[in-house]
Amino acid sequence: MKYMKKPITIEAIQLQSLEVLHLMELQQFVGIGNDNVLTVSDGVLINTLEGTMKASVGDFIIKGIQGEFYPCKPDIFELSYYKLKE
């Protein structure tokens, strides 16, 4: 059998750097006080439904349909999503 993914609208932010100002923007995206994201020397660790995953600079952080967060490599993100006009 073949299946097709349901069209859904997601929210995402790209991890552009590990500078403090960008990390503050990421923290606002996931929610202030949310301990699901931890900064490490070469990226951020994200507690996902499948366990802890690492996001590197350039990766996207996606907010899932259940409010969970997970990283996505930019090439996969570009193949899977397109930006909506606001």
PDB file of N, CA and C in Angstrom:
ATOM      1  N   MET A   1       0.837  -1.178   0.000  1.00  0.00           N
ATOM      2  CA  MET A   1       0.000   0.000   0.000  1.00  0.00           C
ATOM      3  C   MET A   1       0.885   1.246   0.000  1.00  0.00           C
ATOM      4  N   LYS A   2       0.360   2.311  -0.537  1.00  0.00           N
ATOM      5  CA  LYS A   2       1.051   3.590  -0.531  1.00  0.00           C
ATOM      6  C   LYS A   2       0.269   4.568   0.327  1.00  0.00           C
ATOM      7  N   TYR A   3       0.978   5.470   0.976  1.00  0.00           N
ATOM      8  CA  TYR A   3       0.364   6.479   1.823  1.00  0.00           C
ATOM      9  C   TYR A   3       0.920   7.849   1.454  1.00  0.00           C
ATOM     10  N   MET A   4       0.125   8.871   1.725  1.00  0.00           N
ATOM     11  CA  MET A   4       0.560  10.237   1.490  1.00  0.00           C
ATOM     12  C   MET A   4       0.442  11.011   2.794  1.00  0.00           C
ATOM     13  N   LYS A   5       1.444  11.806   3.086  1.00  0.00           N
ATOM     14  CA  LYS A   5       1.436  12.600   4.309  1.00  0.00           C
ATOM     15  C   LYS A   5       0.367  13.677   4.217  1.00  0.00           C
ATOM     16  N   LYS A   6      -0.398  13.853   5.297  1.00  0.00           N
ATOM     17  CA  LYS A   6      -1.428  14.886   5.342  1.00  0.00           C
ATOM     18  C   LYS A   6      -0.786  16.263   5.307  1.00  0.00           C
ATOM     19  N   PRO A   7      -1.374  17.180   4.567  1.00  0.00           N
ATOM     20  CA  PRO A   7      -0.808  18.541   4.571  1.00  0.00           C
ATOM     21  C   PRO A   7      -1.092  19.225   5.907  1.00  0.00           C
ATOM     22  N   ILE A   8      -0.036  19.686   6.542  1.00  0.00           N
ATOM     23  CA  ILE A   8      -0.170  20.407   7.807  1.00  0.00           C
ATOM     24  C   ILE A   8       0.722  21.638   7.760  1.00  0.00           C
ATOM     25  N   THR A   9       0.380  22.635   8.528  1.00  0.00           N
ATOM     26  CA  THR A   9       1.201  23.826   8.650  1.00  0.00           C
ATOM     27  C   THR A   9       2.039  23.680   9.918  1.00  0.00           C
ATOM     28  N   ILE A  10       3.335  23.914   9.781  1.00  0.00           N
ATOM     29  CA  ILE A  10       4.239  23.799  10.929  1.00  0.00           C
ATOM     30  C   ILE A  10       4.890  25.137  11.203  1.00  0.00           C
ATOM     31  N   GLU A  11       5.437  25.266  12.392  1.00  0.00           N
ATOM     32  CA  GLU A  11       6.270  26.410  12.739  1.00  0.00           C
ATOM     33  C   GLU A  11       7.696  25.884  12.851  1.00  0.00           C
ATOM     34  N   ALA A  12       8.659  26.681  12.386  1.00  0.00           N
ATOM     35  CA  ALA A  12      10.057  26.263  12.451  1.00  0.00           C
ATOM     36  C   ALA A  12      10.957  27.484  12.551  1.00  0.00           C
ATOM     37  N   ILE A  13      12.150  27.256  13.059  1.00  0.00           N
ATOM     38  CA  ILE A  13      13.178  28.282  13.120  1.00  0.00           C
ATOM     39  C   ILE A  13      14.483  27.620  12.710  1.00  0.00           C
ATOM     40  N   GLN A  14      15.308  28.344  11.971  1.00  0.00           N
ATOM     41  CA  GLN A  14      16.596  27.798  11.574  1.00  0.00           C
ATOM     42  C   GLN A  14      17.654  28.216  12.585  1.00  0.00           C
ATOM     43  N   LEU A  15      18.449  27.252  13.027  1.00  0.00           N
ATOM     44  CA  LEU A  15      19.547  27.523  13.952  1.00  0.00           C
ATOM     45  C   LEU A  15      20.673  28.158  13.138  1.00  0.00           C
ATOM     46  N   GLN A  16      20.739  29.482  13.175  1.00  0.00           N
ATOM     47  CA  GLN A  16      21.686  30.207  12.332  1.00  0.00           C
ATOM     48  C   GLN A  16      23.047  30.382  12.972  1.00  0.00           C
ATOM     49  N   SER A  17      23.104  30.392  14.280  1.00  0.00           N
ATOM     50  CA  SER A  17      24.378  30.529  14.980  1.00  0.00           C
ATOM     51  C   SER A  17      24.184  30.099  16.430  1.00  0.00           C
ATOM     52  N   LEU A  18      25.293  30.055  17.148  1.00  0.00           N
ATOM     53  CA  LEU A  18      25.225  29.740  18.577  1.00  0.00           C
ATOM     54  C   LEU A  18      25.467  30.985  19.412  1.00  0.00           C
ATOM     55  N   GLU A  19      25.333  32.160  18.780  1.00  0.00           N
ATOM     56  CA  GLU A  19      25.494  33.415  19.494  1.00  0.00           C
ATOM     57  C   GLU A  19      24.321  33.616  20.455  1.00  0.00           C
ATOM     58  N   VAL A  20      24.570  34.336  21.512  1.00  0.00           N
ATOM     59  CA  VAL A  20      23.585  34.515  22.574  1.00  0.00           C
ATOM     60  C   VAL A  20      22.267  35.077  22.053  1.00  0.00           C
ATOM     61  N   LEU A  21      22.315  36.094  21.188  1.00  0.00           N
ATOM     62  CA  LEU A  21      21.062  36.695  20.700  1.00  0.00           C
ATOM     63  C   LEU A  21      20.226  35.697  19.920  1.00  0.00           C
ATOM     64  N   HIS A  22      20.862  34.864  19.101  1.00  0.00           N
ATOM     65  CA  HIS A  22      20.092  33.872  18.349  1.00  0.00           C
ATOM     66  C   HIS A  22      19.570  32.774  19.273  1.00  0.00           C
ATOM     67  N   LEU A  23      20.357  32.380  20.244  1.00  0.00           N
ATOM     68  CA  LEU A  23      19.895  31.365  21.194  1.00  0.00           C
ATOM     69  C   LEU A  23      18.706  31.875  22.009  1.00  0.00           C
ATOM     70  N   MET A  24      18.687  33.184  22.288  1.00  0.00           N
ATOM     71  CA  MET A  24      17.530  33.768  22.982  1.00  0.00           C
ATOM     72  C   MET A  24      16.294  33.689  22.091  1.00  0.00           C
ATOM     73  N   GLU A  25      16.454  33.916  20.780  1.00  0.00           N
ATOM     74  CA  GLU A  25      15.341  33.793  19.843  1.00  0.00           C
ATOM     75  C   GLU A  25      14.832  32.347  19.797  1.00  0.00           C
ATOM     76  N   LEU A  26      15.750  31.396  19.803  1.00  0.00           N
ATOM     77  CA  LEU A  26      15.376  29.983  19.839  1.00  0.00           C
ATOM     78  C   LEU A  26      14.622  29.663  21.121  1.00  0.00           C
ATOM     79  N   GLN A  27      15.101  30.186  22.248  1.00  0.00           N
ATOM     80  CA  GLN A  27      14.441  29.943  23.533  1.00  0.00           C
ATOM     81  C   GLN A  27      13.025  30.512  23.537  1.00  0.00           C
ATOM     82  N   GLN A  28      12.821  31.669  22.903  1.00  0.00           N
ATOM     83  CA  GLN A  28      11.470  32.230  22.796  1.00  0.00           C
ATOM     84  C   GLN A  28      10.593  31.347  21.931  1.00  0.00           C
ATOM     85  N   PHE A  29      11.160  30.760  20.874  1.00  0.00           N
ATOM     86  CA  PHE A  29      10.404  29.888  19.977  1.00  0.00           C
ATOM     87  C   PHE A  29       9.909  28.642  20.707  1.00  0.00           C
ATOM     88  N   VAL A  30      10.784  28.018  21.487  1.00  0.00           N
ATOM     89  CA  VAL A  30      10.392  26.788  22.184  1.00  0.00           C
ATOM     90  C   VAL A  30       9.673  27.072  23.491  1.00  0.00           C
ATOM     91  N   GLY A  31       9.751  28.310  23.979  1.00  0.00           N
ATOM     92  CA  GLY A  31       9.079  28.671  25.224  1.00  0.00           C
ATOM     93  C   GLY A  31      10.077  28.906  26.331  1.00  0.00           C
ATOM     94  N   ILE A  32      10.042  30.080  26.887  1.00  0.00           N
ATOM     95  CA  ILE A  32      10.938  30.423  27.987  1.00  0.00           C
ATOM     96  C   ILE A  32      10.710  29.430  29.124  1.00  0.00           C
ATOM     97  N   GLY A  33      11.784  28.934  29.670  1.00  0.00           N
ATOM     98  CA  GLY A  33      11.675  27.968  30.764  1.00  0.00           C
ATOM     99  C   GLY A  33      11.534  26.532  30.285  1.00  0.00           C
ATOM    100  N   ASN A  34      11.446  26.328  28.962  1.00  0.00           N
ATOM    101  CA  ASN A  34      11.353  24.980  28.419  1.00  0.00           C
ATOM    102  C   ASN A  34      12.722  24.324  28.518  1.00  0.00           C
ATOM    103  N   ASP A  35      12.823  23.229  29.249  1.00  0.00           N
ATOM    104  CA  ASP A  35      14.117  22.565  29.418  1.00  0.00           C
ATOM    105  C   ASP A  35      14.333  21.468  28.384  1.00  0.00           C
ATOM    106  N   ASN A  36      13.556  21.489  27.289  1.00  0.00           N
ATOM    107  CA  ASN A  36      13.718  20.498  26.236  1.00  0.00           C
ATOM    108  C   ASN A  36      14.859  20.822  25.286  1.00  0.00           C
ATOM    109  N   VAL A  37      15.458  22.012  25.405  1.00  0.00           N
ATOM    110  CA  VAL A  37      16.562  22.415  24.539  1.00  0.00           C
ATOM    111  C   VAL A  37      17.748  22.806  25.410  1.00  0.00           C
ATOM    112  N   LEU A  38      18.891  22.189  25.143  1.00  0.00           N
ATOM    113  CA  LEU A  38      20.109  22.443  25.907  1.00  0.00           C
ATOM    114  C   LEU A  38      21.231  22.800  24.944  1.00  0.00           C
ATOM    115  N   THR A  39      21.893  23.914  25.167  1.00  0.00           N
ATOM    116  CA  THR A  39      22.993  24.347  24.311  1.00  0.00           C
ATOM    117  C   THR A  39      24.258  23.574  24.659  1.00  0.00           C
ATOM    118  N   VAL A  40      24.938  23.076  23.619  1.00  0.00           N
ATOM    119  CA  VAL A  40      26.247  22.440  23.785  1.00  0.00           C
ATOM    120  C   VAL A  40      27.234  23.203  22.896  1.00  0.00           C
ATOM    121  N   SER A  41      28.498  22.848  22.943  1.00  0.00           N
ATOM    122  CA  SER A  41      29.527  23.639  22.255  1.00  0.00           C
ATOM    123  C   SER A  41      29.344  23.720  20.741  1.00  0.00           C
ATOM    124  N   ASP A  42      28.761  22.706  20.121  1.00  0.00           N
ATOM    125  CA  ASP A  42      28.647  22.689  18.664  1.00  0.00           C
ATOM    126  C   ASP A  42      27.212  22.535  18.168  1.00  0.00           C
ATOM    127  N   GLY A  43      26.241  22.937  18.983  1.00  0.00           N
ATOM    128  CA  GLY A  43      24.841  22.841  18.577  1.00  0.00           C
ATOM    129  C   GLY A  43      23.917  22.907  19.775  1.00  0.00           C
ATOM    130  N   VAL A  44      22.727  22.368  19.603  1.00  0.00           N
ATOM    131  CA  VAL A  44      21.781  22.279  20.705  1.00  0.00           C
ATOM    132  C   VAL A  44      21.229  20.851  20.763  1.00  0.00           C
ATOM    133  N   LEU A  45      20.957  20.396  21.970  1.00  0.00           N
ATOM    134  CA  LEU A  45      20.331  19.097  22.179  1.00  0.00           C
ATOM    135  C   LEU A  45      18.849  19.328  22.423  1.00  0.00           C
ATOM    136  N   ILE A  46      18.028  18.529  21.762  1.00  0.00           N
ATOM    137  CA  ILE A  46      16.580  18.687  21.863  1.00  0.00           C
ATOM    138  C   ILE A  46      15.980  17.368  22.322  1.00  0.00           C
ATOM    139  N   ASN A  47      15.185  17.422  23.382  1.00  0.00           N
ATOM    140  CA  ASN A  47      14.458  16.239  23.829  1.00  0.00           C
ATOM    141  C   ASN A  47      13.228  16.087  22.944  1.00  0.00           C
ATOM    142  N   THR A  48      13.207  15.023  22.139  1.00  0.00           N
ATOM    143  CA  THR A  48      12.107  14.763  21.213  1.00  0.00           C
ATOM    144  C   THR A  48      11.306  13.566  21.711  1.00  0.00           C
ATOM    145  N   LEU A  49      10.237  13.251  21.002  1.00  0.00           N
ATOM    146  CA  LEU A  49       9.445  12.073  21.353  1.00  0.00           C
ATOM    147  C   LEU A  49      10.244  10.788  21.142  1.00  0.00           C
ATOM    148  N   GLU A  50      11.277  10.837  20.293  1.00  0.00           N
ATOM    149  CA  GLU A  50      12.106   9.666  20.008  1.00  0.00           C
ATOM    150  C   GLU A  50      13.404   9.651  20.807  1.00  0.00           C
ATOM    151  N   GLY A  51      13.593  10.597  21.719  1.00  0.00           N
ATOM    152  CA  GLY A  51      14.823  10.685  22.497  1.00  0.00           C
ATOM    153  C   GLY A  51      15.545  11.989  22.214  1.00  0.00           C
ATOM    154  N   THR A  52      16.745  12.135  22.743  1.00  0.00           N
ATOM    155  CA  THR A  52      17.516  13.359  22.572  1.00  0.00           C
ATOM    156  C   THR A  52      18.193  13.366  21.202  1.00  0.00           C
ATOM    157  N   MET A  53      18.017  14.484  20.469  1.00  0.00           N
ATOM    158  CA  MET A  53      18.622  14.642  19.154  1.00  0.00           C
ATOM    159  C   MET A  53      19.400  15.950  19.132  1.00  0.00           C
ATOM    160  N   LYS A  54      20.463  15.988  18.328  1.00  0.00           N
ATOM    161  CA  LYS A  54      21.303  17.178  18.242  1.00  0.00           C
ATOM    162  C   LYS A  54      20.976  17.955  16.970  1.00  0.00           C
ATOM    163  N   ALA A  55      20.868  19.281  17.104  1.00  0.00           N
ATOM    164  CA  ALA A  55      20.714  20.184  15.970  1.00  0.00           C
ATOM    165  C   ALA A  55      21.993  20.996  15.852  1.00  0.00           C
ATOM    166  N   SER A  56      22.545  21.046  14.643  1.00  0.00           N
ATOM    167  CA  SER A  56      23.742  21.820  14.365  1.00  0.00           C
ATOM    168  C   SER A  56      23.343  23.133  13.705  1.00  0.00           C
ATOM    169  N   VAL A  57      24.289  24.069  13.635  1.00  0.00           N
ATOM    170  CA  VAL A  57      24.034  25.329  12.950  1.00  0.00           C
ATOM    171  C   VAL A  57      23.606  25.010  11.514  1.00  0.00           C
ATOM    172  N   GLY A  58      22.530  25.645  11.063  1.00  0.00           N
ATOM    173  CA  GLY A  58      21.974  25.403   9.736  1.00  0.00           C
ATOM    174  C   GLY A  58      20.753  24.512   9.763  1.00  0.00           C
ATOM    175  N   ASP A  59      20.612  23.679  10.785  1.00  0.00           N
ATOM    176  CA  ASP A  59      19.443  22.811  10.905  1.00  0.00           C
ATOM    177  C   ASP A  59      18.210  23.629  11.285  1.00  0.00           C
ATOM    178  N   PHE A  60      17.048  23.099  10.980  1.00  0.00           N
ATOM    179  CA  PHE A  60      15.794  23.712  11.374  1.00  0.00           C
ATOM    180  C   PHE A  60      15.276  23.023  12.628  1.00  0.00           C
ATOM    181  N   ILE A  61      14.652  23.793  13.514  1.00  0.00           N
ATOM    182  CA  ILE A  61      13.958  23.253  14.679  1.00  0.00           C
ATOM    183  C   ILE A  61      12.472  23.381  14.366  1.00  0.00           C
ATOM    184  N   ILE A  62      11.789  22.246  14.318  1.00  0.00           N
ATOM    185  CA  ILE A  62      10.377  22.206  13.941  1.00  0.00           C
ATOM    186  C   ILE A  62       9.515  21.965  15.170  1.00  0.00           C
ATOM    187  N   LYS A  63       8.411  22.701  15.244  1.00  0.00           N
ATOM    188  CA  LYS A  63       7.403  22.437  16.277  1.00  0.00           C
ATOM    189  C   LYS A  63       6.369  21.518  15.657  1.00  0.00           C
ATOM    190  N   GLY A  64       6.244  20.323  16.200  1.00  0.00           N
ATOM    191  CA  GLY A  64       5.336  19.313  15.666  1.00  0.00           C
ATOM    192  C   GLY A  64       3.888  19.561  16.031  1.00  0.00           C
ATOM    193  N   ILE A  65       3.022  18.713  15.513  1.00  0.00           N
ATOM    194  CA  ILE A  65       1.580  18.904  15.697  1.00  0.00           C
ATOM    195  C   ILE A  65       1.116  18.637  17.126  1.00  0.00           C
ATOM    196  N   GLN A  66       1.963  17.988  17.936  1.00  0.00           N
ATOM    197  CA  GLN A  66       1.629  17.760  19.344  1.00  0.00           C
ATOM    198  C   GLN A  66       2.363  18.731  20.258  1.00  0.00           C
ATOM    199  N   GLY A  67       2.984  19.773  19.662  1.00  0.00           N
ATOM    200  CA  GLY A  67       3.719  20.753  20.453  1.00  0.00           C
ATOM    201  C   GLY A  67       5.140  20.337  20.767  1.00  0.00           C
ATOM    202  N   GLU A  68       5.560  19.206  20.231  1.00  0.00           N
ATOM    203  CA  GLU A  68       6.923  18.725  20.449  1.00  0.00           C
ATOM    204  C   GLU A  68       7.883  19.426  19.486  1.00  0.00           C
ATOM    205  N   PHE A  69       9.171  19.374  19.784  1.00  0.00           N
ATOM    206  CA  PHE A  69      10.191  19.986  18.942  1.00  0.00           C
ATOM    207  C   PHE A  69      11.163  18.923  18.475  1.00  0.00           C
ATOM    208  N   TYR A  70      11.655  19.088  17.261  1.00  0.00           N
ATOM    209  CA  TYR A  70      12.660  18.176  16.746  1.00  0.00           C
ATOM    210  C   TYR A  70      13.466  18.855  15.645  1.00  0.00           C
ATOM    211  N   PRO A  71      14.740  18.432  15.468  1.00  0.00           N
ATOM    212  CA  PRO A  71      15.581  19.039  14.441  1.00  0.00           C
ATOM    213  C   PRO A  71      15.362  18.392  13.077  1.00  0.00           C
ATOM    214  N   CYS A  72      15.702  19.158  12.031  1.00  0.00           N
ATOM    215  CA  CYS A  72      15.591  18.667  10.663  1.00  0.00           C
ATOM    216  C   CYS A  72      16.730  19.276   9.849  1.00  0.00           C
ATOM    217  N   LYS A  73      17.453  18.447   9.103  1.00  0.00           N
ATOM    218  CA  LYS A  73      18.537  18.929   8.254  1.00  0.00           C
ATOM    219  C   LYS A  73      17.953  19.817   7.154  1.00  0.00           C
ATOM    220  N   PRO A  74      18.694  20.856   6.744  1.00  0.00           N
ATOM    221  CA  PRO A  74      18.162  21.817   5.774  1.00  0.00           C
ATOM    222  C   PRO A  74      17.752  21.204   4.437  1.00  0.00           C
ATOM    223  N   ASP A  75      18.477  20.205   3.941  1.00  0.00           N
ATOM    224  CA  ASP A  75      18.106  19.615   2.652  1.00  0.00           C
ATOM    225  C   ASP A  75      16.776  18.869   2.739  1.00  0.00           C
ATOM    226  N   ILE A  76      16.542  18.169   3.822  1.00  0.00           N
ATOM    227  CA  ILE A  76      15.266  17.468   4.027  1.00  0.00           C
ATOM    228  C   ILE A  76      14.149  18.483   4.241  1.00  0.00           C
ATOM    229  N   PHE A  77      14.439  19.539   4.992  1.00  0.00           N
ATOM    230  CA  PHE A  77      13.436  20.581   5.233  1.00  0.00           C
ATOM    231  C   PHE A  77      12.988  21.200   3.916  1.00  0.00           C
ATOM    232  N   GLU A  78      13.941  21.540   3.044  1.00  0.00           N
ATOM    233  CA  GLU A  78      13.612  22.169   1.761  1.00  0.00           C
ATOM    234  C   GLU A  78      12.806  21.237   0.859  1.00  0.00           C
ATOM    235  N   LEU A  79      13.048  19.926   0.936  1.00  0.00           N
ATOM    236  CA  LEU A  79      12.278  18.966   0.143  1.00  0.00           C
ATOM    237  C   LEU A  79      10.868  18.755   0.691  1.00  0.00           C
ATOM    238  N   SER A  80      10.699  18.970   2.000  1.00  0.00           N
ATOM    239  CA  SER A  80       9.435  18.642   2.659  1.00  0.00           C
ATOM    240  C   SER A  80       8.496  19.833   2.851  1.00  0.00           C
ATOM    241  N   TYR A  81       9.038  21.052   2.929  1.00  0.00           N
ATOM    242  CA  TYR A  81       8.229  22.208   3.284  1.00  0.00           C
ATOM    243  C   TYR A  81       8.475  23.371   2.336  1.00  0.00           C
ATOM    244  N   TYR A  82       7.514  24.254   2.258  1.00  0.00           N
ATOM    245  CA  TYR A  82       7.696  25.522   1.553  1.00  0.00           C
ATOM    246  C   TYR A  82       7.138  26.616   2.440  1.00  0.00           C
ATOM    247  N   LYS A  83       7.698  27.814   2.295  1.00  0.00           N
ATOM    248  CA  LYS A  83       7.325  28.931   3.150  1.00  0.00           C
ATOM    249  C   LYS A  83       5.981  29.499   2.715  1.00  0.00           C
ATOM    250  N   LEU A  84       5.093  29.711   3.671  1.00  0.00           N
ATOM    251  CA  LEU A  84       3.793  30.317   3.392  1.00  0.00           C
ATOM    252  C   LEU A  84       3.905  31.832   3.397  1.00  0.00           C
ATOM    253  N   LYS A  85       3.135  32.467   2.555  1.00  0.00           N
ATOM    254  CA  LYS A  85       3.081  33.927   2.584  1.00  0.00           C
ATOM    255  C   LYS A  85       2.239  34.352   3.768  1.00  0.00           C
ATOM    256  N   GLU A  86       2.737  35.325   4.501  1.00  0.00           N
ATOM    257  CA  GLU A  86       2.027  35.768   5.721  1.00  0.00           C
ATOM    258  C   GLU A  86       1.026  36.835   5.415  1.00  0.00           C
TER     259      GLU A  86
END
